[in-house]
Amino acid sequence: MAEGHRHHHFHHQKDPAVPEPEVDYRKEEKHHKHLQQLGELGAVTAGAFALHEKHQAKKHPEHAHRHKIEEEIAAAVAVGAGGFAFHEHHQKKAAKKEYEKSHGKKHHHHF
């Protein structure tokens, strides 16, 4: 490291005089629900397109290689969109849990 060069990490320190912004957990929960639904829609759409390309590969054997590639790409997109929907589902659950914690709802754990 060069002489006299120092790293300043002010972004890691919180100023106690500045209050934390109020988080609207209900709004955050709705946002994640919306993104979850978009992910689910993307997964269904990409899956349907993959099936369509599989059908096209059988229907048009002269272009089968291209349709197989497009089918595989669509299948990968469907898996990715499903993963995104799964991620957003957990984000939604976390926002709901934070809302309940901030509003004093009690959690009952049953064994």
Protein backbone atom coordinates (compact mmCIF):
# COMPACT_ATOMS: atom_id res chain seq x y z
CA MET A 1 0.00 0.00 0.00
CA ALA A 2 1.30 3.46 -0.81
CA GLU A 3 2.68 5.60 1.98
CA GLY A 4 0.02 7.89 3.35
CA HIS A 5 -2.90 6.07 1.66
CA ARG A 6 -5.62 5.14 4.10
CA HIS A 7 -8.94 3.42 3.69
CA HIS A 8 -11.91 5.27 5.10
CA HIS A 9 -14.99 3.18 5.68
CA PHE A 10 -17.56 5.77 6.65
CA HIS A 11 -20.31 3.83 4.92
CA HIS A 12 -20.02 1.16 7.61
CA GLN A 13 -20.67 3.56 10.49
CA LYS A 14 -24.14 4.69 11.44
CA ASP A 15 -24.69 8.14 12.83
CA PRO A 16 -26.72 7.81 16.05
CA ALA A 17 -28.19 11.28 15.48
CA VAL A 18 -29.82 10.19 12.21
CA PRO A 19 -32.90 8.02 12.80
CA GLU A 20 -33.39 4.87 10.73
CA PRO A 21 -36.03 5.30 8.02
CA GLU A 22 -39.38 3.70 8.84
CA VAL A 23 -39.91 0.53 6.80
CA ASP A 24 -43.40 -0.26 5.58
CA TYR A 25 -43.34 -4.05 5.83
CA ARG A 26 -46.82 -4.45 4.36
CA LYS A 27 -45.71 -2.55 1.26
CA GLU A 28 -42.55 -4.65 1.11
CA GLU A 29 -44.60 -7.85 1.47
CA LYS A 30 -46.88 -6.80 -1.41
CA HIS A 31 -43.84 -5.92 -3.52
CA HIS A 32 -42.31 -9.37 -3.00
CA LYS A 33 -45.68 -11.02 -3.67
CA HIS A 34 -45.89 -9.17 -6.98
CA LEU A 35 -42.34 -10.22 -7.93
CA GLN A 36 -43.12 -13.80 -6.91
CA GLN A 37 -46.14 -13.82 -9.21
CA LEU A 38 -44.05 -12.40 -12.05
CA GLY A 39 -41.48 -15.15 -11.49
CA GLU A 40 -44.20 -17.80 -11.55
CA LEU A 41 -45.63 -16.33 -14.73
CA GLY A 42 -42.18 -16.31 -16.32
CA ALA A 43 -41.62 -19.94 -15.34
CA VAL A 44 -44.94 -21.03 -16.84
CA THR A 45 -44.41 -19.00 -20.00
CA ALA A 46 -40.87 -20.27 -20.56
CA GLY A 47 -41.99 -23.84 -19.85
CA ALA A 48 -44.79 -23.53 -22.40
CA PHE A 49 -42.33 -22.13 -24.95
CA ALA A 50 -39.96 -25.05 -24.28
CA LEU A 51 -42.80 -27.50 -24.97
CA HIS A 52 -43.67 -25.58 -28.13
CA GLU A 53 -40.07 -25.81 -29.35
CA LYS A 54 -39.99 -29.54 -28.56
CA HIS A 55 -43.09 -29.95 -30.73
CA GLN A 56 -41.54 -27.84 -33.50
CA ALA A 57 -38.41 -30.02 -33.48
CA LYS A 58 -40.57 -33.06 -34.23
CA LYS A 59 -42.72 -31.21 -36.74
CA HIS A 60 -39.81 -29.71 -38.70
CA PRO A 61 -36.97 -32.24 -38.70
CA GLU A 62 -34.88 -30.08 -41.08
CA HIS A 63 -34.65 -27.42 -38.32
CA ALA A 64 -34.64 -29.85 -35.40
CA HIS A 65 -31.22 -28.79 -34.10
CA ARG A 66 -32.26 -25.13 -33.81
CA HIS A 67 -35.54 -26.04 -32.08
CA LYS A 68 -33.71 -28.34 -29.63
CA ILE A 69 -31.34 -25.49 -28.70
CA GLU A 70 -34.25 -23.07 -28.23
CA GLU A 71 -36.08 -25.70 -26.16
CA GLU A 72 -33.08 -26.09 -23.85
CA ILE A 73 -32.67 -22.33 -23.47
CA ALA A 74 -36.37 -21.94 -22.65
CA ALA A 75 -36.14 -24.78 -20.12
CA ALA A 76 -33.17 -23.07 -18.44
CA VAL A 77 -35.09 -19.79 -18.32
CA ALA A 78 -38.07 -21.61 -16.77
CA VAL A 79 -35.84 -23.05 -14.04
CA GLY A 80 -34.30 -19.63 -13.38
CA ALA A 81 -37.70 -17.96 -13.19
CA GLY A 82 -38.90 -20.67 -10.82
CA GLY A 83 -35.87 -20.06 -8.62
CA PHE A 84 -36.58 -16.34 -8.64
CA ALA A 85 -40.21 -16.98 -7.64
CA PHE A 86 -39.00 -19.25 -4.82
CA HIS A 87 -36.57 -16.56 -3.63
CA GLU A 88 -39.29 -13.89 -3.66
CA HIS A 89 -41.63 -16.21 -1.75
CA HIS A 90 -39.08 -16.36 1.06
CA GLN A 91 -38.53 -12.60 0.92
CA LYS A 92 -42.30 -12.15 1.24
CA LYS A 93 -42.39 -14.45 4.26
CA ALA A 94 -39.54 -12.53 5.88
CA ALA A 95 -41.33 -9.22 5.34
CA LYS A 96 -44.51 -10.66 6.86
CA LYS A 97 -42.55 -11.92 9.85
CA GLU A 98 -40.93 -8.49 10.32
CA TYR A 99 -44.36 -6.84 10.13
CA GLU A 100 -45.73 -9.17 12.79
CA LYS A 101 -42.68 -8.63 14.99
CA SER A 102 -42.96 -4.85 14.69
CA HIS A 103 -46.66 -4.92 15.53
CA GLY A 104 -46.39 -7.21 18.55
CA LYS A 105 -48.00 -10.33 17.12
CA LYS A 106 -47.11 -13.45 19.05
CA HIS A 107 -45.62 -16.50 17.41
CA HIS A 108 -46.79 -19.85 18.70
CA HIS A 109 -44.37 -22.69 18.18
CA HIS A 110 -45.93 -26.13 18.27
CA PHE A 111 -43.78 -29.21 18.57
